[in-house]
């Protein structure tokens, strides 16, 4: 049974009626094909109108929706011969960050991504996509290997933020994030980052400092969560909706400011309604971005990336 976001309730009511009519039709008692067709058209129109006018807070809800496709879903559909790597060679492994090497459209690629998990068990295993220092040090290890062998890097970003636990701070969380960001900037191979759902703070930028930053239509990307901003500014998390609006966290806002380079369209109703189509569209956008960068030498790749981020501050 499909679950619905709060603002999707009008669509949910229509789809429930459609299911009831289909059950009646299956019993053979009555022909309701015309009524089903009418309600299906109305539900589709209502859904399209809702998603054409989402507020920043509603986009936040969509970006966090648990059935939205996650990193491993993209890897499974877009990559072949994927071999995951484990461990940072310093402390241990961190399942919040998944990384390894495989092939994308037949070419060698390095993939680094944050995995939130899709079941209770997997969410706990992956710590809801919130990485610890060893996760970012694993990312650095993978980026260094990719750079050495001349393999482009794809980062799949989906995290509420880096894990804020005491043990993480004791193991150097801030330093690990800084080193990972530095590794992104130092790459002599092209790197592409895609904001899949949430792009939260330093936890995201640590792997998203890329030549091209792509962002799904209903994803969010921000320096802090709306709830965190509301707590700091108004001492009231109930004002998270106001914070979401004022922080300019949507793809449209960030495209206007030059923070991201491209918006990847989602199926009507969000990526969670048609994950395969959303992943395919993302794959096409990644392919185009890699082609745009394919003719650059190592120094030109670094210069382009550096200039991109310098221009953000100059244009704001």
C-alpha atoms as a PDB file:
ATOM      1  CA  UNK A   1       0.000   0.000   0.000  1.00  0.00           C
ATOM      2  CA  UNK A   2       1.379   3.395  -1.028  1.00  0.00           C
ATOM      3  CA  UNK A   3       2.003   5.976   1.685  1.00  0.00           C
ATOM      4  CA  UNK A   4       1.635   9.691   1.088  1.00  0.00           C
ATOM      5  CA  UNK A   5       3.223  12.912   2.227  1.00  0.00           C
ATOM      6  CA  UNK A   6       0.910  15.294   4.070  1.00  0.00           C
ATOM      7  CA  UNK A   7       0.439  17.586   1.090  1.00  0.00           C
ATOM      8  CA  UNK A   8      -0.296  14.584  -1.173  1.00  0.00           C
ATOM      9  CA  UNK A   9      -3.485  13.649   0.706  1.00  0.00           C
ATOM     10  CA  UNK A  10      -5.830  14.906  -2.082  1.00  0.00           C
ATOM     11  CA  UNK A  11      -4.055  12.538  -4.476  1.00  0.00           C
ATOM     12  CA  UNK A  12      -4.172   9.746  -1.923  1.00  0.00           C
ATOM     13  CA  UNK A  13      -7.940  10.091  -1.538  1.00  0.00           C
ATOM     14  CA  UNK A  14      -8.450   9.921  -5.303  1.00  0.00           C
ATOM     15  CA  UNK A  15      -6.177   6.901  -5.691  1.00  0.00           C
ATOM     16  CA  UNK A  16      -7.961   5.130  -2.844  1.00  0.00           C
ATOM     17  CA  UNK A  17     -11.281   5.650  -4.633  1.00  0.00           C
ATOM     18  CA  UNK A  18      -9.723   4.293  -7.827  1.00  0.00           C
ATOM     19  CA  UNK A  19      -8.601   1.133  -6.024  1.00  0.00           C
ATOM     20  CA  UNK A  20     -12.080   0.653  -4.547  1.00  0.00           C
ATOM     21  CA  UNK A  21     -13.649   0.981  -7.991  1.00  0.00           C
ATOM     22  CA  UNK A  22     -11.148  -1.479  -9.460  1.00  0.00           C
ATOM     23  CA  UNK A  23     -12.089  -3.977  -6.757  1.00  0.00           C
ATOM     24  CA  UNK A  24     -15.754  -3.525  -7.654  1.00  0.00           C
ATOM     25  CA  UNK A  25     -14.957  -3.969 -11.338  1.00  0.00           C
ATOM     26  CA  UNK A  26     -12.945  -7.129 -10.644  1.00  0.00           C
ATOM     27  CA  UNK A  27     -15.942  -8.657  -8.884  1.00  0.00           C
ATOM     28  CA  UNK A  28     -17.941  -8.267 -12.106  1.00  0.00           C
ATOM     29  CA  UNK A  29     -20.879  -6.605 -10.373  1.00  0.00           C
ATOM     30  CA  UNK A  30     -20.657  -3.289 -12.204  1.00  0.00           C
ATOM     31  CA  UNK A  31     -18.792  -1.554 -15.029  1.00  0.00           C
ATOM     32  CA  UNK A  32     -16.980   1.512 -13.736  1.00  0.00           C
ATOM     33  CA  UNK A  33     -14.277   1.860 -16.375  1.00  0.00           C
ATOM     34  CA  UNK A  34     -15.309   5.385 -17.326  1.00  0.00           C
ATOM     35  CA  UNK A  35     -15.333   6.557 -13.726  1.00  0.00           C
ATOM     36  CA  UNK A  36     -11.912   4.985 -13.119  1.00  0.00           C
ATOM     37  CA  UNK A  37     -10.502   6.747 -16.178  1.00  0.00           C
ATOM     38  CA  UNK A  38     -11.964  10.075 -15.011  1.00  0.00           C
ATOM     39  CA  UNK A  39     -10.509   9.715 -11.526  1.00  0.00           C
ATOM     40  CA  UNK A  40      -7.119   8.632 -12.876  1.00  0.00           C
ATOM     41  CA  UNK A  41      -6.949  11.749 -15.036  1.00  0.00           C
ATOM     42  CA  UNK A  42      -7.973  13.914 -12.093  1.00  0.00           C
ATOM     43  CA  UNK A  43      -5.390  12.279  -9.796  1.00  0.00           C
ATOM     44  CA  UNK A  44      -2.635  12.767 -12.375  1.00  0.00           C
ATOM     45  CA  UNK A  45      -3.584  16.422 -12.864  1.00  0.00           C
ATOM     46  CA  UNK A  46      -3.749  17.039  -9.102  1.00  0.00           C
ATOM     47  CA  UNK A  47      -0.350  15.419  -8.595  1.00  0.00           C
ATOM     48  CA  UNK A  48       1.224  17.481 -11.371  1.00  0.00           C
ATOM     49  CA  UNK A  49      -0.220  20.713  -9.987  1.00  0.00           C
ATOM     50  CA  UNK A  50       1.008  19.919  -6.474  1.00  0.00           C
ATOM     51  CA  UNK A  51       4.569  19.192  -7.649  1.00  0.00           C
ATOM     52  CA  UNK A  52       4.668  22.244  -9.883  1.00  0.00           C
ATOM     53  CA  UNK A  53       4.139  24.455  -6.834  1.00  0.00           C
ATOM     54  CA  UNK A  54       6.038  22.830  -3.979  1.00  0.00           C
ATOM     55  CA  UNK A  55       7.251  25.069  -1.188  1.00  0.00           C
ATOM     56  CA  UNK A  56      10.852  24.684   0.066  1.00  0.00           C
ATOM     57  CA  UNK A  57       9.553  22.839   3.130  1.00  0.00           C
ATOM     58  CA  UNK A  58       7.528  20.454   0.985  1.00  0.00           C
ATOM     59  CA  UNK A  59      10.637  19.808  -1.127  1.00  0.00           C
ATOM     60  CA  UNK A  60      12.460  19.026   2.103  1.00  0.00           C
ATOM     61  CA  UNK A  61       9.831  16.407   2.898  1.00  0.00           C
ATOM     62  CA  UNK A  62      10.154  14.907  -0.581  1.00  0.00           C
ATOM     63  CA  UNK A  63      13.967  14.861  -0.348  1.00  0.00           C
ATOM     64  CA  UNK A  64      13.736  12.928   2.918  1.00  0.00           C
ATOM     65  CA  UNK A  65      11.019  10.499   1.844  1.00  0.00           C
ATOM     66  CA  UNK A  66      12.179   6.987   2.812  1.00  0.00           C
ATOM     67  CA  UNK A  67      11.149   5.304  -0.465  1.00  0.00           C
ATOM     68  CA  UNK A  68      13.145   7.759  -2.557  1.00  0.00           C
ATOM     69  CA  UNK A  69      15.940   5.895  -4.406  1.00  0.00           C
ATOM     70  CA  UNK A  70      19.249   5.945  -2.568  1.00  0.00           C
ATOM     71  CA  UNK A  71      22.903   5.616  -3.496  1.00  0.00           C
ATOM     72  CA  UNK A  72      22.982   1.832  -3.876  1.00  0.00           C
ATOM     73  CA  UNK A  73      19.899   1.940  -6.111  1.00  0.00           C
ATOM     74  CA  UNK A  74      21.789   4.249  -8.483  1.00  0.00           C
ATOM     75  CA  UNK A  75      24.882   2.065  -8.362  1.00  0.00           C
ATOM     76  CA  UNK A  76      22.841  -1.057  -9.134  1.00  0.00           C
ATOM     77  CA  UNK A  77      21.109   0.498 -12.169  1.00  0.00           C
ATOM     78  CA  UNK A  78      23.898   2.643 -13.610  1.00  0.00           C
ATOM     79  CA  UNK A  79      27.095   0.709 -12.838  1.00  0.00           C
ATOM     80  CA  UNK A  80      28.449  -2.646 -13.907  1.00  0.00           C
ATOM     81  CA  UNK A  81      31.281  -4.679 -12.394  1.00  0.00           C
ATOM     82  CA  UNK A  82      31.065  -2.576  -9.246  1.00  0.00           C
ATOM     83  CA  UNK A  83      33.552  -3.640  -6.565  1.00  0.00           C
ATOM     84  CA  UNK A  84      33.078  -1.945  -3.180  1.00  0.00           C
ATOM     85  CA  UNK A  85      36.089  -1.025  -1.040  1.00  0.00           C
ATOM     86  CA  UNK A  86      36.097  -1.055   2.755  1.00  0.00           C
ATOM     87  CA  UNK A  87      38.132   0.674   5.421  1.00  0.00           C
ATOM     88  CA  UNK A  88      40.212   3.826   5.730  1.00  0.00           C
ATOM     89  CA  UNK A  89      43.492   2.020   6.612  1.00  0.00           C
ATOM     90  CA  UNK A  90      43.589   4.003   9.854  1.00  0.00           C
ATOM     91  CA  UNK A  91      40.669   3.046  12.094  1.00  0.00           C
ATOM     92  CA  UNK A  92      37.971   0.977  10.430  1.00  0.00           C
ATOM     93  CA  UNK A  93      35.147   0.938   7.932  1.00  0.00           C
ATOM     94  CA  UNK A  94      32.061   3.156   7.792  1.00  0.00           C
ATOM     95  CA  UNK A  95      28.988   1.852   5.982  1.00  0.00           C
ATOM     96  CA  UNK A  96      27.472   5.332   5.792  1.00  0.00           C
ATOM     97  CA  UNK A  97      29.795   5.943   2.847  1.00  0.00           C
ATOM     98  CA  UNK A  98      29.798   3.359   0.089  1.00  0.00           C
ATOM     99  CA  UNK A  99      32.641   3.511  -2.410  1.00  0.00           C
ATOM    100  CA  UNK A 100      34.450   1.503  -4.999  1.00  0.00           C
ATOM    101  CA  UNK A 101      35.266   1.067  -8.660  1.00  0.00           C
ATOM    102  CA  UNK A 102      33.176  -0.158 -11.553  1.00  0.00           C
ATOM    103  CA  UNK A 103      32.095   0.741 -15.051  1.00  0.00           C
ATOM    104  CA  UNK A 104      29.706   3.451 -16.180  1.00  0.00           C
ATOM    105  CA  UNK A 105      28.614   3.096 -19.804  1.00  0.00           C
ATOM    106  CA  UNK A 106      31.584   0.782 -20.320  1.00  0.00           C
ATOM    107  CA  UNK A 107      34.188   3.176 -18.904  1.00  0.00           C
ATOM    108  CA  UNK A 108      36.061   2.826 -15.605  1.00  0.00           C
ATOM    109  CA  UNK A 109      34.650   4.989 -12.837  1.00  0.00           C
ATOM    110  CA  UNK A 110      35.104   5.568  -9.115  1.00  0.00           C
ATOM    111  CA  UNK A 111      31.894   5.941  -7.131  1.00  0.00           C
ATOM    112  CA  UNK A 112      31.630   7.448  -3.649  1.00  0.00           C
ATOM    113  CA  UNK A 113      28.212   7.886  -2.087  1.00  0.00           C
ATOM    114  CA  UNK A 114      26.249   8.227   1.108  1.00  0.00           C
ATOM    115  CA  UNK A 115      23.756   5.432   1.678  1.00  0.00           C
ATOM    116  CA  UNK A 116      20.798   5.996   4.026  1.00  0.00           C
ATOM    117  CA  UNK A 117      19.345   2.508   3.824  1.00  0.00           C
ATOM    118  CA  UNK A 118      15.829   1.424   2.885  1.00  0.00           C
ATOM    119  CA  UNK A 119      14.810  -0.835   5.786  1.00  0.00           C
ATOM    120  CA  UNK A 120      15.173  -0.485   9.528  1.00  0.00           C
ATOM    121  CA  UNK A 121      18.079  -2.932   9.515  1.00  0.00           C
ATOM    122  CA  UNK A 122      19.908  -1.251   6.626  1.00  0.00           C
ATOM    123  CA  UNK A 123      19.315   2.238   8.017  1.00  0.00           C
ATOM    124  CA  UNK A 124      20.973   1.230  11.246  1.00  0.00           C
ATOM    125  CA  UNK A 125      23.812  -0.453   9.362  1.00  0.00           C
ATOM    126  CA  UNK A 126      24.446   2.673   7.258  1.00  0.00           C
ATOM    127  CA  UNK A 127      23.801   5.052  10.181  1.00  0.00           C
ATOM    128  CA  UNK A 128      21.135   6.855   8.117  1.00  0.00           C
ATOM    129  CA  UNK A 129      23.832   8.107   5.748  1.00  0.00           C
ATOM    130  CA  UNK A 130      25.624  10.139   8.431  1.00  0.00           C
ATOM    131  CA  UNK A 131      29.316   9.416   8.034  1.00  0.00           C
ATOM    132  CA  UNK A 132      32.011   9.243  10.696  1.00  0.00           C
ATOM    133  CA  UNK A 133      35.657  10.300  10.171  1.00  0.00           C
ATOM    134  CA  UNK A 134      36.629   6.872   8.848  1.00  0.00           C
ATOM    135  CA  UNK A 135      33.985   7.270   6.131  1.00  0.00           C
ATOM    136  CA  UNK A 136      35.549  10.483   4.845  1.00  0.00           C
ATOM    137  CA  UNK A 137      39.034   8.984   5.118  1.00  0.00           C
ATOM    138  CA  UNK A 138      37.808   6.056   3.025  1.00  0.00           C
ATOM    139  CA  UNK A 139      36.554   8.606   0.490  1.00  0.00           C
ATOM    140  CA  UNK A 140      40.001  10.232   0.426  1.00  0.00           C
ATOM    141  CA  UNK A 141      41.615   6.825  -0.072  1.00  0.00           C
ATOM    142  CA  UNK A 142      39.341   6.139  -3.050  1.00  0.00           C
ATOM    143  CA  UNK A 143      39.882   9.579  -4.581  1.00  0.00           C
ATOM    144  CA  UNK A 144      43.661   9.189  -4.325  1.00  0.00           C
ATOM    145  CA  UNK A 145      43.472   5.818  -6.075  1.00  0.00           C
ATOM    146  CA  UNK A 146      41.203   7.198  -8.799  1.00  0.00           C
ATOM    147  CA  UNK A 147      43.550  10.133  -9.343  1.00  0.00           C
ATOM    148  CA  UNK A 148      46.577   7.850  -9.555  1.00  0.00           C
ATOM    149  CA  UNK A 149      44.978   5.671 -12.239  1.00  0.00           C
ATOM    150  CA  UNK A 150      43.259   8.515 -14.127  1.00  0.00           C
ATOM    151  CA  UNK A 151      39.709   7.390 -13.346  1.00  0.00           C
ATOM    152  CA  UNK A 152      36.883   9.978 -13.040  1.00  0.00           C
ATOM    153  CA  UNK A 153      34.970  10.197  -9.769  1.00  0.00           C
ATOM    154  CA  UNK A 154      31.214  10.301  -9.250  1.00  0.00           C
ATOM    155  CA  UNK A 155      29.895  11.360  -5.828  1.00  0.00           C
ATOM    156  CA  UNK A 156      26.304  10.488  -4.919  1.00  0.00           C
ATOM    157  CA  UNK A 157      25.293  12.811  -2.089  1.00  0.00           C
ATOM    158  CA  UNK A 158      22.434  12.017   0.282  1.00  0.00           C
ATOM    159  CA  UNK A 159      22.980  12.882   3.924  1.00  0.00           C
ATOM    160  CA  UNK A 160      21.442  14.995   6.639  1.00  0.00           C
ATOM    161  CA  UNK A 161      25.014  15.771   7.713  1.00  0.00           C
ATOM    162  CA  UNK A 162      28.125  14.197   9.152  1.00  0.00           C
ATOM    163  CA  UNK A 163      27.585  12.142  12.293  1.00  0.00           C
ATOM    164  CA  UNK A 164      27.875  14.470  15.329  1.00  0.00           C
ATOM    165  CA  UNK A 165      28.675  11.875  18.002  1.00  0.00           C
ATOM    166  CA  UNK A 166      31.365  12.337  20.640  1.00  0.00           C
ATOM    167  CA  UNK A 167      33.439   9.437  19.309  1.00  0.00           C
ATOM    168  CA  UNK A 168      33.433  11.020  15.853  1.00  0.00           C
ATOM    169  CA  UNK A 169      34.714  14.284  17.276  1.00  0.00           C
ATOM    170  CA  UNK A 170      37.396  12.430  19.215  1.00  0.00           C
ATOM    171  CA  UNK A 171      38.557  10.773  15.987  1.00  0.00           C
ATOM    172  CA  UNK A 172      38.808  14.104  14.143  1.00  0.00           C
ATOM    173  CA  UNK A 173      35.530  14.622  12.304  1.00  0.00           C
ATOM    174  CA  UNK A 174      36.251  18.208  11.237  1.00  0.00           C
ATOM    175  CA  UNK A 175      39.753  17.347  10.049  1.00  0.00           C
ATOM    176  CA  UNK A 176      38.458  14.353   8.094  1.00  0.00           C
ATOM    177  CA  UNK A 177      35.832  16.497   6.350  1.00  0.00           C
ATOM    178  CA  UNK A 178      38.463  19.119   5.519  1.00  0.00           C
ATOM    179  CA  UNK A 179      40.842  16.493   4.127  1.00  0.00           C
ATOM    180  CA  UNK A 180      38.092  15.014   1.996  1.00  0.00           C
ATOM    181  CA  UNK A 181      37.165  18.448   0.631  1.00  0.00           C
ATOM    182  CA  UNK A 182      40.847  19.088  -0.098  1.00  0.00           C
ATOM    183  CA  UNK A 183      41.087  15.755  -1.908  1.00  0.00           C
ATOM    184  CA  UNK A 184      38.147  16.760  -4.124  1.00  0.00           C
ATOM    185  CA  UNK A 185      39.827  20.047  -5.008  1.00  0.00           C
ATOM    186  CA  UNK A 186      43.172  18.351  -5.708  1.00  0.00           C
ATOM    187  CA  UNK A 187      41.869  15.768  -8.170  1.00  0.00           C
ATOM    188  CA  UNK A 188      43.428  15.907 -11.611  1.00  0.00           C
ATOM    189  CA  UNK A 189      40.564  13.822 -13.000  1.00  0.00           C
ATOM    190  CA  UNK A 190      37.001  15.093 -13.519  1.00  0.00           C
ATOM    191  CA  UNK A 191      34.605  14.634 -10.639  1.00  0.00           C
ATOM    192  CA  UNK A 192      30.827  14.894 -10.787  1.00  0.00           C
ATOM    193  CA  UNK A 193      28.635  15.263  -7.708  1.00  0.00           C
ATOM    194  CA  UNK A 194      24.903  14.568  -7.684  1.00  0.00           C
ATOM    195  CA  UNK A 195      22.653  15.717  -4.835  1.00  0.00           C
ATOM    196  CA  UNK A 196      20.151  12.851  -4.715  1.00  0.00           C
ATOM    197  CA  UNK A 197      18.064  13.849  -1.693  1.00  0.00           C
ATOM    198  CA  UNK A 198      19.577  15.782   1.181  1.00  0.00           C
ATOM    199  CA  UNK A 199      22.862  17.615   0.821  1.00  0.00           C
ATOM    200  CA  UNK A 200      23.551  18.483   4.417  1.00  0.00           C
ATOM    201  CA  UNK A 201      26.368  20.813   5.471  1.00  0.00           C
ATOM    202  CA  UNK A 202      30.009  19.699   5.580  1.00  0.00           C
ATOM    203  CA  UNK A 203      28.846  16.104   5.441  1.00  0.00           C
ATOM    204  CA  UNK A 204      27.820  16.762   1.838  1.00  0.00           C
ATOM    205  CA  UNK A 205      30.476  19.234   0.700  1.00  0.00           C
ATOM    206  CA  UNK A 206      33.203  16.788   1.744  1.00  0.00           C
ATOM    207  CA  UNK A 207      32.464  14.719  -1.365  1.00  0.00           C
ATOM    208  CA  UNK A 208      30.521  17.292  -3.434  1.00  0.00           C
ATOM    209  CA  UNK A 209      33.329  19.764  -4.197  1.00  0.00           C
ATOM    210  CA  UNK A 210      33.271  18.796  -7.850  1.00  0.00           C
ATOM    211  CA  UNK A 211      33.780  20.089 -11.390  1.00  0.00           C
ATOM    212  CA  UNK A 212      30.052  19.678 -11.959  1.00  0.00           C
ATOM    213  CA  UNK A 213      27.393  19.628  -9.260  1.00  0.00           C
ATOM    214  CA  UNK A 214      24.080  18.182 -10.405  1.00  0.00           C
ATOM    215  CA  UNK A 215      20.960  18.223  -8.270  1.00  0.00           C
ATOM    216  CA  UNK A 216      17.699  16.363  -8.542  1.00  0.00           C
ATOM    217  CA  UNK A 217      14.673  18.584  -8.963  1.00  0.00           C
ATOM    218  CA  UNK A 218      13.208  17.965  -5.512  1.00  0.00           C
ATOM    219  CA  UNK A 219      16.451  17.564  -3.555  1.00  0.00           C
ATOM    220  CA  UNK A 220      17.753  20.114  -1.032  1.00  0.00           C
ATOM    221  CA  UNK A 221      21.293  21.392  -0.405  1.00  0.00           C
ATOM    222  CA  UNK A 222      22.127  23.552   2.591  1.00  0.00           C
ATOM    223  CA  UNK A 223      24.700  24.522   5.189  1.00  0.00           C
ATOM    224  CA  UNK A 224      22.406  23.303   7.985  1.00  0.00           C
ATOM    225  CA  UNK A 225      19.042  21.573   8.240  1.00  0.00           C
ATOM    226  CA  UNK A 226      15.932  23.791   8.403  1.00  0.00           C
ATOM    227  CA  UNK A 227      15.288  22.496  11.924  1.00  0.00           C
ATOM    228  CA  UNK A 228      18.846  23.336  12.985  1.00  0.00           C
ATOM    229  CA  UNK A 229      18.627  26.820  11.520  1.00  0.00           C
ATOM    230  CA  UNK A 230      15.281  27.445  13.219  1.00  0.00           C
ATOM    231  CA  UNK A 231      16.714  26.295  16.539  1.00  0.00           C
ATOM    232  CA  UNK A 232      19.634  28.719  16.235  1.00  0.00           C
ATOM    233  CA  UNK A 233      17.806  31.735  14.813  1.00  0.00           C
ATOM    234  CA  UNK A 234      14.475  31.533  16.631  1.00  0.00           C
ATOM    235  CA  UNK A 235      15.135  28.940  19.366  1.00  0.00           C
ATOM    236  CA  UNK A 236      12.081  27.170  17.972  1.00  0.00           C
ATOM    237  CA  UNK A 237      12.246  24.155  15.646  1.00  0.00           C
ATOM    238  CA  UNK A 238       8.585  24.734  14.776  1.00  0.00           C
ATOM    239  CA  UNK A 239       9.830  27.542  12.522  1.00  0.00           C
ATOM    240  CA  UNK A 240      11.626  25.052  10.275  1.00  0.00           C
ATOM    241  CA  UNK A 241       9.286  25.927   7.413  1.00  0.00           C
ATOM    242  CA  UNK A 242      10.292  29.588   7.636  1.00  0.00           C
ATOM    243  CA  UNK A 243      13.952  28.586   7.765  1.00  0.00           C
ATOM    244  CA  UNK A 244      13.597  26.374   4.693  1.00  0.00           C
ATOM    245  CA  UNK A 245      12.138  29.277   2.735  1.00  0.00           C
ATOM    246  CA  UNK A 246      14.730  31.817   3.826  1.00  0.00           C
ATOM    247  CA  UNK A 247      17.762  29.554   3.420  1.00  0.00           C
ATOM    248  CA  UNK A 248      17.280  29.094  -0.361  1.00  0.00           C
ATOM    249  CA  UNK A 249      17.859  25.353  -0.310  1.00  0.00           C
ATOM    250  CA  UNK A 250      15.981  24.279  -3.437  1.00  0.00           C
ATOM    251  CA  UNK A 251      17.525  23.365  -6.772  1.00  0.00           C
ATOM    252  CA  UNK A 252      15.969  26.398  -8.441  1.00  0.00           C
ATOM    253  CA  UNK A 253      17.469  28.807  -5.906  1.00  0.00           C
ATOM    254  CA  UNK A 254      20.895  27.167  -5.983  1.00  0.00           C
ATOM    255  CA  UNK A 255      20.954  27.127  -9.772  1.00  0.00           C
ATOM    256  CA  UNK A 256      20.247  30.860  -9.771  1.00  0.00           C
ATOM    257  CA  UNK A 257      23.122  31.488  -7.353  1.00  0.00           C
ATOM    258  CA  UNK A 258      25.541  29.306  -9.341  1.00  0.00           C
ATOM    259  CA  UNK A 259      26.033  26.813  -6.519  1.00  0.00           C
ATOM    260  CA  UNK A 260      24.919  23.927  -8.748  1.00  0.00           C
ATOM    261  CA  UNK A 261      25.355  23.476 -12.496  1.00  0.00           C
ATOM    262  CA  UNK A 262      22.301  21.503 -13.580  1.00  0.00           C
ATOM    263  CA  UNK A 263      18.878  20.433 -12.317  1.00  0.00           C
ATOM    264  CA  UNK A 264      17.976  16.827 -13.112  1.00  0.00           C
ATOM    265  CA  UNK A 265      14.205  16.571 -13.682  1.00  0.00           C
ATOM    266  CA  UNK A 266      12.270  14.041 -11.642  1.00  0.00           C
ATOM    267  CA  UNK A 267       9.166  12.083 -12.676  1.00  0.00           C
ATOM    268  CA  UNK A 268       5.856  13.730 -11.820  1.00  0.00           C
ATOM    269  CA  UNK A 269       5.305  13.066  -8.128  1.00  0.00           C
ATOM    270  CA  UNK A 270       9.004  12.801  -7.313  1.00  0.00           C
ATOM    271  CA  UNK A 271      11.728  10.203  -7.755  1.00  0.00           C
ATOM    272  CA  UNK A 272      10.007   7.844  -5.314  1.00  0.00           C
ATOM    273  CA  UNK A 273       7.062   7.371  -7.710  1.00  0.00           C
ATOM    274  CA  UNK A 274       9.240   6.145 -10.561  1.00  0.00           C
ATOM    275  CA  UNK A 275      12.744   5.353  -9.293  1.00  0.00           C
ATOM    276  CA  UNK A 276      13.898   3.730 -12.545  1.00  0.00           C
ATOM    277  CA  UNK A 277      13.059   6.845 -14.584  1.00  0.00           C
ATOM    278  CA  UNK A 278      14.721   9.146 -12.030  1.00  0.00           C
ATOM    279  CA  UNK A 279      17.888   7.044 -12.018  1.00  0.00           C
ATOM    280  CA  UNK A 280      17.976   6.899 -15.827  1.00  0.00           C
ATOM    281  CA  UNK A 281      17.665  10.691 -16.062  1.00  0.00           C
ATOM    282  CA  UNK A 282      20.476  11.071 -13.548  1.00  0.00           C
ATOM    283  CA  UNK A 283      22.669   8.688 -15.523  1.00  0.00           C
ATOM    284  CA  UNK A 284      22.110  10.715 -18.696  1.00  0.00           C
ATOM    285  CA  UNK A 285      23.046  13.943 -16.878  1.00  0.00           C
ATOM    286  CA  UNK A 286      26.221  12.366 -15.472  1.00  0.00           C
ATOM    287  CA  UNK A 287      27.174  11.107 -18.926  1.00  0.00           C
ATOM    288  CA  UNK A 288      26.762  14.568 -20.465  1.00  0.00           C
ATOM    289  CA  UNK A 289      28.793  16.186 -17.692  1.00  0.00           C
ATOM    290  CA  UNK A 290      31.645  13.699 -18.113  1.00  0.00           C
ATOM    291  CA  UNK A 291      31.673  14.273 -21.884  1.00  0.00           C
ATOM    292  CA  UNK A 292      31.925  18.040 -21.342  1.00  0.00           C
ATOM    293  CA  UNK A 293      35.034  17.541 -19.219  1.00  0.00           C
ATOM    294  CA  UNK A 294      36.653  14.739 -21.194  1.00  0.00           C
ATOM    295  CA  UNK A 295      38.965  16.963 -23.261  1.00  0.00           C
ATOM    296  CA  UNK A 296      40.588  18.758 -20.314  1.00  0.00           C
ATOM    297  CA  UNK A 297      44.074  17.922 -19.078  1.00  0.00           C
ATOM    298  CA  UNK A 298      44.856  17.557 -15.369  1.00  0.00           C
ATOM    299  CA  UNK A 299      45.747  21.210 -14.802  1.00  0.00           C
ATOM    300  CA  UNK A 300      42.689  22.417 -16.716  1.00  0.00           C
ATOM    301  CA  UNK A 301      40.419  20.140 -14.638  1.00  0.00           C
ATOM    302  CA  UNK A 302      41.785  21.641 -11.420  1.00  0.00           C
ATOM    303  CA  UNK A 303      41.548  25.215 -12.728  1.00  0.00           C
ATOM    304  CA  UNK A 304      37.966  24.748 -13.851  1.00  0.00           C
ATOM    305  CA  UNK A 305      36.935  23.315 -10.476  1.00  0.00           C
ATOM    306  CA  UNK A 306      38.750  26.028  -8.532  1.00  0.00           C
ATOM    307  CA  UNK A 307      37.225  28.783 -10.662  1.00  0.00           C
ATOM    308  CA  UNK A 308      33.753  27.332 -10.234  1.00  0.00           C
ATOM    309  CA  UNK A 309      33.878  27.660  -6.469  1.00  0.00           C
ATOM    310  CA  UNK A 310      35.582  31.066  -6.505  1.00  0.00           C
ATOM    311  CA  UNK A 311      32.811  32.332  -8.773  1.00  0.00           C
ATOM    312  CA  UNK A 312      30.120  31.346  -6.264  1.00  0.00           C
ATOM    313  CA  UNK A 313      31.403  33.907  -3.756  1.00  0.00           C
ATOM    314  CA  UNK A 314      31.869  36.555  -6.411  1.00  0.00           C
ATOM    315  CA  UNK A 315      28.368  36.168  -7.829  1.00  0.00           C
ATOM    316  CA  UNK A 316      26.374  36.151  -4.581  1.00  0.00           C
END
